[in-house]
Amino acid sequence: MITGEVQGVGFRFFLIRHAQALDLRGWVRNLDDGAVELVAEGSRLDLEQLLFYAREGPRQARVTHVEAGWSVAAGGLQLFDISG
């Protein structure tokens, strides 16, 4: 979960570009409360790199908080894209 000024600034596309470059699977979507939700599967190293990008965001974004949770990969996720 990513909060701050993260909607309407290309944040989802920024994350998708980096996630695809890292060969991750998953999705990202805007939530009604202004946050962005991200679900991703891949190697721990690549996921940590994506978290780094999520904390930085694109130049226009102002990230105030990133909340990450870890679980065992369930599989079945498609190539990284926008959900909802």
PDB file of N, CA and C in Angstrom:
ATOM      1  N   MET A   1       0.857  -1.163   0.000  1.00  0.00           N
ATOM      2  CA  MET A   1       0.000   0.000   0.000  1.00  0.00           C
ATOM      3  C   MET A   1       0.907   1.230   0.000  1.00  0.00           C
ATOM      4  N   ILE A   2       0.642   2.136  -0.917  1.00  0.00           N
ATOM      5  CA  ILE A   2       1.452   3.339  -1.052  1.00  0.00           C
ATOM      6  C   ILE A   2       0.535   4.538  -0.886  1.00  0.00           C
ATOM      7  N   THR A   3       0.892   5.455   0.006  1.00  0.00           N
ATOM      8  CA  THR A   3       0.071   6.636   0.245  1.00  0.00           C
ATOM      9  C   THR A   3       0.868   7.907  -0.022  1.00  0.00           C
ATOM     10  N   GLY A   4       0.135   8.973  -0.188  1.00  0.00           N
ATOM     11  CA  GLY A   4       0.713  10.273  -0.488  1.00  0.00           C
ATOM     12  C   GLY A   4       0.037  10.828  -1.722  1.00  0.00           C
ATOM     13  N   GLU A   5       0.720  11.677  -2.461  1.00  0.00           N
ATOM     14  CA  GLU A   5       0.209  12.189  -3.738  1.00  0.00           C
ATOM     15  C   GLU A   5       0.675  11.220  -4.813  1.00  0.00           C
ATOM     16  N   VAL A   6      -0.085  10.121  -4.954  1.00  0.00           N
ATOM     17  CA  VAL A   6       0.353   9.030  -5.826  1.00  0.00           C
ATOM     18  C   VAL A   6      -0.653   8.678  -6.918  1.00  0.00           C
ATOM     19  N   GLN A   7      -1.735   9.407  -7.012  1.00  0.00           N
ATOM     20  CA  GLN A   7      -2.709   9.173  -8.082  1.00  0.00           C
ATOM     21  C   GLN A   7      -2.691  10.359  -9.037  1.00  0.00           C
ATOM     22  N   GLY A   8      -2.868  10.064 -10.317  1.00  0.00           N
ATOM     23  CA  GLY A   8      -2.909  11.118 -11.313  1.00  0.00           C
ATOM     24  C   GLY A   8      -1.552  11.681 -11.685  1.00  0.00           C
ATOM     25  N   VAL A   9      -0.484  11.005 -11.301  1.00  0.00           N
ATOM     26  CA  VAL A   9       0.874  11.480 -11.606  1.00  0.00           C
ATOM     27  C   VAL A   9       1.692  10.403 -12.332  1.00  0.00           C
ATOM     28  N   GLY A  10       1.011   9.426 -12.909  1.00  0.00           N
ATOM     29  CA  GLY A  10       1.711   8.366 -13.626  1.00  0.00           C
ATOM     30  C   GLY A  10       2.340   7.328 -12.725  1.00  0.00           C
ATOM     31  N   PHE A  11       1.918   7.285 -11.455  1.00  0.00           N
ATOM     32  CA  PHE A  11       2.543   6.383 -10.482  1.00  0.00           C
ATOM     33  C   PHE A  11       2.378   4.919 -10.872  1.00  0.00           C
ATOM     34  N   ARG A  12       1.163   4.532 -11.273  1.00  0.00           N
ATOM     35  CA  ARG A  12       0.939   3.130 -11.629  1.00  0.00           C
ATOM     36  C   ARG A  12       1.796   2.724 -12.821  1.00  0.00           C
ATOM     37  N   PHE A  13       1.880   3.585 -13.825  1.00  0.00           N
ATOM     38  CA  PHE A  13       2.677   3.258 -15.003  1.00  0.00           C
ATOM     39  C   PHE A  13       4.165   3.219 -14.681  1.00  0.00           C
ATOM     40  N   PHE A  14       4.598   4.068 -13.755  1.00  0.00           N
ATOM     41  CA  PHE A  14       5.974   4.056 -13.268  1.00  0.00           C
ATOM     42  C   PHE A  14       6.293   2.697 -12.639  1.00  0.00           C
ATOM     43  N   LEU A  15       5.391   2.215 -11.768  1.00  0.00           N
ATOM     44  CA  LEU A  15       5.604   0.923 -11.126  1.00  0.00           C
ATOM     45  C   LEU A  15       5.543  -0.227 -12.126  1.00  0.00           C
ATOM     46  N   ILE A  16       4.611  -0.156 -13.073  1.00  0.00           N
ATOM     47  CA  ILE A  16       4.496  -1.214 -14.076  1.00  0.00           C
ATOM     48  C   ILE A  16       5.778  -1.310 -14.897  1.00  0.00           C
ATOM     49  N   ARG A  17       6.295  -0.192 -15.318  1.00  0.00           N
ATOM     50  CA  ARG A  17       7.534  -0.188 -16.117  1.00  0.00           C
ATOM     51  C   ARG A  17       8.670  -0.865 -15.357  1.00  0.00           C
ATOM     52  N   HIS A  18       8.823  -0.524 -14.076  1.00  0.00           N
ATOM     53  CA  HIS A  18       9.906  -1.120 -13.284  1.00  0.00           C
ATOM     54  C   HIS A  18       9.635  -2.589 -12.982  1.00  0.00           C
ATOM     55  N   ALA A  19       8.394  -2.934 -12.686  1.00  0.00           N
ATOM     56  CA  ALA A  19       8.050  -4.326 -12.397  1.00  0.00           C
ATOM     57  C   ALA A  19       8.274  -5.206 -13.620  1.00  0.00           C
ATOM     58  N   GLN A  20       7.909  -4.720 -14.794  1.00  0.00           N
ATOM     59  CA  GLN A  20       8.125  -5.496 -16.011  1.00  0.00           C
ATOM     60  C   GLN A  20       9.610  -5.661 -16.298  1.00  0.00           C
ATOM     61  N   ALA A  21      10.394  -4.622 -16.054  1.00  0.00           N
ATOM     62  CA  ALA A  21      11.843  -4.709 -16.258  1.00  0.00           C
ATOM     63  C   ALA A  21      12.470  -5.734 -15.310  1.00  0.00           C
ATOM     64  N   LEU A  22      11.870  -5.897 -14.119  1.00  0.00           N
ATOM     65  CA  LEU A  22      12.359  -6.873 -13.138  1.00  0.00           C
ATOM     66  C   LEU A  22      11.753  -8.262 -13.369  1.00  0.00           C
ATOM     67  N   ASP A  23      10.899  -8.387 -14.372  1.00  0.00           N
ATOM     68  CA  ASP A  23      10.228  -9.648 -14.717  1.00  0.00           C
ATOM     69  C   ASP A  23       9.338 -10.156 -13.577  1.00  0.00           C
ATOM     70  N   LEU A  24       8.672  -9.212 -12.909  1.00  0.00           N
ATOM     71  CA  LEU A  24       7.749  -9.571 -11.837  1.00  0.00           C
ATOM     72  C   LEU A  24       6.354  -9.796 -12.406  1.00  0.00           C
ATOM     73  N   ARG A  25       5.554 -10.483 -11.647  1.00  0.00           N
ATOM     74  CA  ARG A  25       4.144 -10.695 -11.990  1.00  0.00           C
ATOM     75  C   ARG A  25       3.308 -10.007 -10.923  1.00  0.00           C
ATOM     76  N   GLY A  26       2.116  -9.535 -11.325  1.00  0.00           N
ATOM     77  CA  GLY A  26       1.246  -8.893 -10.350  1.00  0.00           C
ATOM     78  C   GLY A  26       0.418  -7.793 -10.958  1.00  0.00           C
ATOM     79  N   TRP A  27      -0.013  -6.870 -10.108  1.00  0.00           N
ATOM     80  CA  TRP A  27      -0.870  -5.773 -10.550  1.00  0.00           C
ATOM     81  C   TRP A  27      -0.761  -4.593  -9.598  1.00  0.00           C
ATOM     82  N   VAL A  28      -1.279  -3.468 -10.064  1.00  0.00           N
ATOM     83  CA  VAL A  28      -1.305  -2.240  -9.284  1.00  0.00           C
ATOM     84  C   VAL A  28      -2.624  -1.538  -9.588  1.00  0.00           C
ATOM     85  N   ARG A  29      -3.217  -0.890  -8.570  1.00  0.00           N
ATOM     86  CA  ARG A  29      -4.479  -0.186  -8.791  1.00  0.00           C
ATOM     87  C   ARG A  29      -4.616   0.985  -7.830  1.00  0.00           C
ATOM     88  N   ASN A  30      -5.403   1.981  -8.272  1.00  0.00           N
ATOM     89  CA  ASN A  30      -5.767   3.109  -7.420  1.00  0.00           C
ATOM     90  C   ASN A  30      -6.901   2.686  -6.507  1.00  0.00           C
ATOM     91  N   LEU A  31      -6.882   3.177  -5.274  1.00  0.00           N
ATOM     92  CA  LEU A  31      -7.969   2.940  -4.330  1.00  0.00           C
ATOM     93  C   LEU A  31      -8.761   4.232  -4.140  1.00  0.00           C
ATOM     94  N   ASP A  32      -9.990   4.101  -3.688  1.00  0.00           N
ATOM     95  CA  ASP A  32     -10.872   5.255  -3.509  1.00  0.00           C
ATOM     96  C   ASP A  32     -10.335   6.269  -2.503  1.00  0.00           C
ATOM     97  N   ASP A  33      -9.513   5.828  -1.555  1.00  0.00           N
ATOM     98  CA  ASP A  33      -8.997   6.736  -0.526  1.00  0.00           C
ATOM     99  C   ASP A  33      -7.747   7.501  -0.968  1.00  0.00           C
ATOM    100  N   GLY A  34      -7.341   7.327  -2.241  1.00  0.00           N
ATOM    101  CA  GLY A  34      -6.175   8.045  -2.756  1.00  0.00           C
ATOM    102  C   GLY A  34      -4.889   7.259  -2.714  1.00  0.00           C
ATOM    103  N   ALA A  35      -4.916   6.080  -2.109  1.00  0.00           N
ATOM    104  CA  ALA A  35      -3.732   5.232  -2.045  1.00  0.00           C
ATOM    105  C   ALA A  35      -3.604   4.399  -3.317  1.00  0.00           C
ATOM    106  N   VAL A  36      -2.456   3.778  -3.481  1.00  0.00           N
ATOM    107  CA  VAL A  36      -2.216   2.843  -4.573  1.00  0.00           C
ATOM    108  C   VAL A  36      -1.888   1.496  -3.941  1.00  0.00           C
ATOM    109  N   GLU A  37      -2.555   0.448  -4.433  1.00  0.00           N
ATOM    110  CA  GLU A  37      -2.322  -0.916  -3.941  1.00  0.00           C
ATOM    111  C   GLU A  37      -1.487  -1.667  -4.974  1.00  0.00           C
ATOM    112  N   LEU A  38      -0.489  -2.388  -4.493  1.00  0.00           N
ATOM    113  CA  LEU A  38       0.444  -3.112  -5.344  1.00  0.00           C
ATOM    114  C   LEU A  38       0.547  -4.545  -4.846  1.00  0.00           C
ATOM    115  N   VAL A  39       0.410  -5.513  -5.754  1.00  0.00           N
ATOM    116  CA  VAL A  39       0.615  -6.928  -5.438  1.00  0.00           C
ATOM    117  C   VAL A  39       1.622  -7.443  -6.451  1.00  0.00           C
ATOM    118  N   ALA A  40       2.686  -8.073  -5.973  1.00  0.00           N
ATOM    119  CA  ALA A  40       3.737  -8.538  -6.885  1.00  0.00           C
ATOM    120  C   ALA A  40       4.326  -9.851  -6.402  1.00  0.00           C
ATOM    121  N   GLU A  41       4.741 -10.672  -7.365  1.00  0.00           N
ATOM    122  CA  GLU A  41       5.446 -11.924  -7.090  1.00  0.00           C
ATOM    123  C   GLU A  41       6.741 -11.946  -7.877  1.00  0.00           C
ATOM    124  N   GLY A  42       7.763 -12.510  -7.263  1.00  0.00           N
ATOM    125  CA  GLY A  42       9.059 -12.653  -7.909  1.00  0.00           C
ATOM    126  C   GLY A  42      10.092 -12.965  -6.858  1.00  0.00           C
ATOM    127  N   SER A  43      11.343 -12.829  -7.225  1.00  0.00           N
ATOM    128  CA  SER A  43      12.409 -13.091  -6.262  1.00  0.00           C
ATOM    129  C   SER A  43      12.422 -11.991  -5.198  1.00  0.00           C
ATOM    130  N   ARG A  44      12.877 -12.338  -4.027  1.00  0.00           N
ATOM    131  CA  ARG A  44      12.926 -11.362  -2.917  1.00  0.00           C
ATOM    132  C   ARG A  44      13.764 -10.141  -3.304  1.00  0.00           C
ATOM    133  N   LEU A  45      14.871 -10.374  -3.959  1.00  0.00           N
ATOM    134  CA  LEU A  45      15.742  -9.276  -4.372  1.00  0.00           C
ATOM    135  C   LEU A  45      15.021  -8.329  -5.334  1.00  0.00           C
ATOM    136  N   ASP A  46      14.311  -8.887  -6.317  1.00  0.00           N
ATOM    137  CA  ASP A  46      13.580  -8.058  -7.269  1.00  0.00           C
ATOM    138  C   ASP A  46      12.409  -7.331  -6.607  1.00  0.00           C
ATOM    139  N   LEU A  47      11.734  -7.986  -5.679  1.00  0.00           N
ATOM    140  CA  LEU A  47      10.636  -7.338  -4.957  1.00  0.00           C
ATOM    141  C   LEU A  47      11.144  -6.192  -4.094  1.00  0.00           C
ATOM    142  N   GLU A  48      12.290  -6.374  -3.462  1.00  0.00           N
ATOM    143  CA  GLU A  48      12.868  -5.292  -2.670  1.00  0.00           C
ATOM    144  C   GLU A  48      13.258  -4.116  -3.563  1.00  0.00           C
ATOM    145  N   GLN A  49      13.713  -4.415  -4.773  1.00  0.00           N
ATOM    146  CA  GLN A  49      14.033  -3.345  -5.720  1.00  0.00           C
ATOM    147  C   GLN A  49      12.765  -2.583  -6.117  1.00  0.00           C
ATOM    148  N   LEU A  50      11.672  -3.313  -6.336  1.00  0.00           N
ATOM    149  CA  LEU A  50      10.401  -2.657  -6.658  1.00  0.00           C
ATOM    150  C   LEU A  50       9.924  -1.792  -5.489  1.00  0.00           C
ATOM    151  N   LEU A  51      10.121  -2.252  -4.268  1.00  0.00           N
ATOM    152  CA  LEU A  51       9.772  -1.439  -3.096  1.00  0.00           C
ATOM    153  C   LEU A  51      10.591  -0.149  -3.055  1.00  0.00           C
ATOM    154  N   PHE A  52      11.844  -0.242  -3.431  1.00  0.00           N
ATOM    155  CA  PHE A  52      12.684   0.957  -3.513  1.00  0.00           C
ATOM    156  C   PHE A  52      12.053   1.958  -4.486  1.00  0.00           C
ATOM    157  N   TYR A  53      11.658   1.472  -5.676  1.00  0.00           N
ATOM    158  CA  TYR A  53      11.025   2.346  -6.660  1.00  0.00           C
ATOM    159  C   TYR A  53       9.709   2.905  -6.135  1.00  0.00           C
ATOM    160  N   ALA A  54       8.934   2.086  -5.424  1.00  0.00           N
ATOM    161  CA  ALA A  54       7.660   2.545  -4.869  1.00  0.00           C
ATOM    162  C   ALA A  54       7.877   3.669  -3.861  1.00  0.00           C
ATOM    163  N   ARG A  55       8.926   3.585  -3.085  1.00  0.00           N
ATOM    164  CA  ARG A  55       9.219   4.642  -2.096  1.00  0.00           C
ATOM    165  C   ARG A  55       9.682   5.927  -2.767  1.00  0.00           C
ATOM    166  N   GLU A  56      10.351   5.801  -3.913  1.00  0.00           N
ATOM    167  CA  GLU A  56      10.830   6.973  -4.652  1.00  0.00           C
ATOM    168  C   GLU A  56       9.711   7.591  -5.487  1.00  0.00           C
ATOM    169  N   GLY A  57       9.017   6.769  -6.258  1.00  0.00           N
ATOM    170  CA  GLY A  57       7.961   7.245  -7.141  1.00  0.00           C
ATOM    171  C   GLY A  57       8.504   8.075  -8.281  1.00  0.00           C
ATOM    172  N   PRO A  58       7.630   8.425  -9.230  1.00  0.00           N
ATOM    173  CA  PRO A  58       8.045   9.328 -10.306  1.00  0.00           C
ATOM    174  C   PRO A  58       8.236  10.736  -9.742  1.00  0.00           C
ATOM    175  N   ARG A  59       8.856  11.569 -10.508  1.00  0.00           N
ATOM    176  CA  ARG A  59       9.201  12.923 -10.058  1.00  0.00           C
ATOM    177  C   ARG A  59       7.992  13.708  -9.540  1.00  0.00           C
ATOM    178  N   GLN A  60       6.808  13.518 -10.151  1.00  0.00           N
ATOM    179  CA  GLN A  60       5.627  14.298  -9.784  1.00  0.00           C
ATOM    180  C   GLN A  60       4.951  13.797  -8.509  1.00  0.00           C
ATOM    181  N   ALA A  61       5.262  12.593  -8.078  1.00  0.00           N
ATOM    182  CA  ALA A  61       4.614  11.994  -6.905  1.00  0.00           C
ATOM    183  C   ALA A  61       5.276  12.457  -5.612  1.00  0.00           C
ATOM    184  N   ARG A  62       4.507  12.368  -4.541  1.00  0.00           N
ATOM    185  CA  ARG A  62       5.013  12.632  -3.185  1.00  0.00           C
ATOM    186  C   ARG A  62       4.580  11.454  -2.317  1.00  0.00           C
ATOM    187  N   VAL A  63       5.458  10.484  -2.172  1.00  0.00           N
ATOM    188  CA  VAL A  63       5.153   9.289  -1.387  1.00  0.00           C
ATOM    189  C   VAL A  63       5.366   9.615   0.080  1.00  0.00           C
ATOM    190  N   THR A  64       4.342   9.359   0.906  1.00  0.00           N
ATOM    191  CA  THR A  64       4.479   9.604   2.343  1.00  0.00           C
ATOM    192  C   THR A  64       4.659   8.320   3.138  1.00  0.00           C
ATOM    193  N   HIS A  65       4.139   7.188   2.600  1.00  0.00           N
ATOM    194  CA  HIS A  65       4.245   5.938   3.348  1.00  0.00           C
ATOM    195  C   HIS A  65       4.104   4.746   2.395  1.00  0.00           C
ATOM    196  N   VAL A  66       4.917   3.728   2.629  1.00  0.00           N
ATOM    197  CA  VAL A  66       4.794   2.457   1.911  1.00  0.00           C
ATOM    198  C   VAL A  66       4.688   1.364   2.958  1.00  0.00           C
ATOM    199  N   GLU A  67       3.592   0.631   2.923  1.00  0.00           N
ATOM    200  CA  GLU A  67       3.379  -0.486   3.841  1.00  0.00           C
ATOM    201  C   GLU A  67       3.502  -1.779   3.040  1.00  0.00           C
ATOM    202  N   ALA A  68       4.462  -2.622   3.417  1.00  0.00           N
ATOM    203  CA  ALA A  68       4.705  -3.872   2.685  1.00  0.00           C
ATOM    204  C   ALA A  68       4.460  -5.066   3.590  1.00  0.00           C
ATOM    205  N   GLY A  69       3.872  -6.085   3.018  1.00  0.00           N
ATOM    206  CA  GLY A  69       3.681  -7.359   3.709  1.00  0.00           C
ATOM    207  C   GLY A  69       4.239  -8.457   2.827  1.00  0.00           C
ATOM    208  N   TRP A  70       4.769  -9.495   3.437  1.00  0.00           N
ATOM    209  CA  TRP A  70       5.392 -10.587   2.694  1.00  0.00           C
ATOM    210  C   TRP A  70       4.620 -11.872   2.945  1.00  0.00           C
ATOM    211  N   SER A  71       4.467 -12.676   1.906  1.00  0.00           N
ATOM    212  CA  SER A  71       3.832 -13.988   2.044  1.00  0.00           C
ATOM    213  C   SER A  71       4.449 -14.932   1.020  1.00  0.00           C
ATOM    214  N   VAL A  72       4.114 -16.193   1.140  1.00  0.00           N
ATOM    215  CA  VAL A  72       4.585 -17.193   0.186  1.00  0.00           C
ATOM    216  C   VAL A  72       3.845 -16.972  -1.133  1.00  0.00           C
ATOM    217  N   ALA A  73       4.573 -17.015  -2.232  1.00  0.00           N
ATOM    218  CA  ALA A  73       3.959 -16.821  -3.547  1.00  0.00           C
ATOM    219  C   ALA A  73       2.935 -17.916  -3.818  1.00  0.00           C
ATOM    220  N   ALA A  74       1.759 -17.505  -4.263  1.00  0.00           N
ATOM    221  CA  ALA A  74       0.700 -18.440  -4.579  1.00  0.00           C
ATOM    222  C   ALA A  74       0.712 -18.828  -6.047  1.00  0.00           C
ATOM    223  N   GLY A  75       1.403 -18.048  -6.872  1.00  0.00           N
ATOM    224  CA  GLY A  75       1.418 -18.304  -8.312  1.00  0.00           C
ATOM    225  C   GLY A  75       0.130 -17.835  -8.951  1.00  0.00           C
ATOM    226  N   GLY A  76       0.038 -17.967 -10.233  1.00  0.00           N
ATOM    227  CA  GLY A  76      -1.190 -17.622 -10.937  1.00  0.00           C
ATOM    228  C   GLY A  76      -1.316 -16.168 -11.331  1.00  0.00           C
ATOM    229  N   LEU A  77      -0.382 -15.319 -10.934  1.00  0.00           N
ATOM    230  CA  LEU A  77      -0.465 -13.916 -11.343  1.00  0.00           C
ATOM    231  C   LEU A  77       0.043 -13.773 -12.771  1.00  0.00           C
ATOM    232  N   GLN A  78      -0.549 -12.847 -13.484  1.00  0.00           N
ATOM    233  CA  GLN A  78      -0.185 -12.590 -14.881  1.00  0.00           C
ATOM    234  C   GLN A  78       0.962 -11.584 -14.945  1.00  0.00           C
ATOM    235  N   LEU A  79       1.420 -11.319 -16.166  1.00  0.00           N
ATOM    236  CA  LEU A  79       2.415 -10.271 -16.363  1.00  0.00           C
ATOM    237  C   LEU A  79       1.901  -8.991 -15.747  1.00  0.00           C
ATOM    238  N   PHE A  80       2.791  -8.182 -15.230  1.00  0.00           N
ATOM    239  CA  PHE A  80       2.417  -6.998 -14.467  1.00  0.00           C
ATOM    240  C   PHE A  80       1.547  -6.044 -15.279  1.00  0.00           C
ATOM    241  N   ASP A  81       0.430  -5.583 -14.649  1.00  0.00           N
ATOM    242  CA  ASP A  81      -0.506  -4.685 -15.332  1.00  0.00           C
ATOM    243  C   ASP A  81      -1.342  -3.932 -14.305  1.00  0.00           C
ATOM    244  N   ILE A  82      -2.244  -3.100 -14.805  1.00  0.00           N
ATOM    245  CA  ILE A  82      -3.175  -2.351 -13.959  1.00  0.00           C
ATOM    246  C   ILE A  82      -4.396  -3.214 -13.701  1.00  0.00           C
ATOM    247  N   SER A  83      -4.858  -3.192 -12.463  1.00  0.00           N
ATOM    248  CA  SER A  83      -6.075  -3.926 -12.085  1.00  0.00           C
ATOM    249  C   SER A  83      -7.181  -2.930 -11.780  1.00  0.00           C
ATOM    250  N   GLY A  84      -8.403  -3.304 -12.109  1.00  0.00           N
ATOM    251  CA  GLY A  84      -9.546  -2.458 -11.775  1.00  0.00           C
ATOM    252  C   GLY A  84      -9.678  -1.312 -12.639  1.00  0.00           C
TER     253      GLY A  84
END
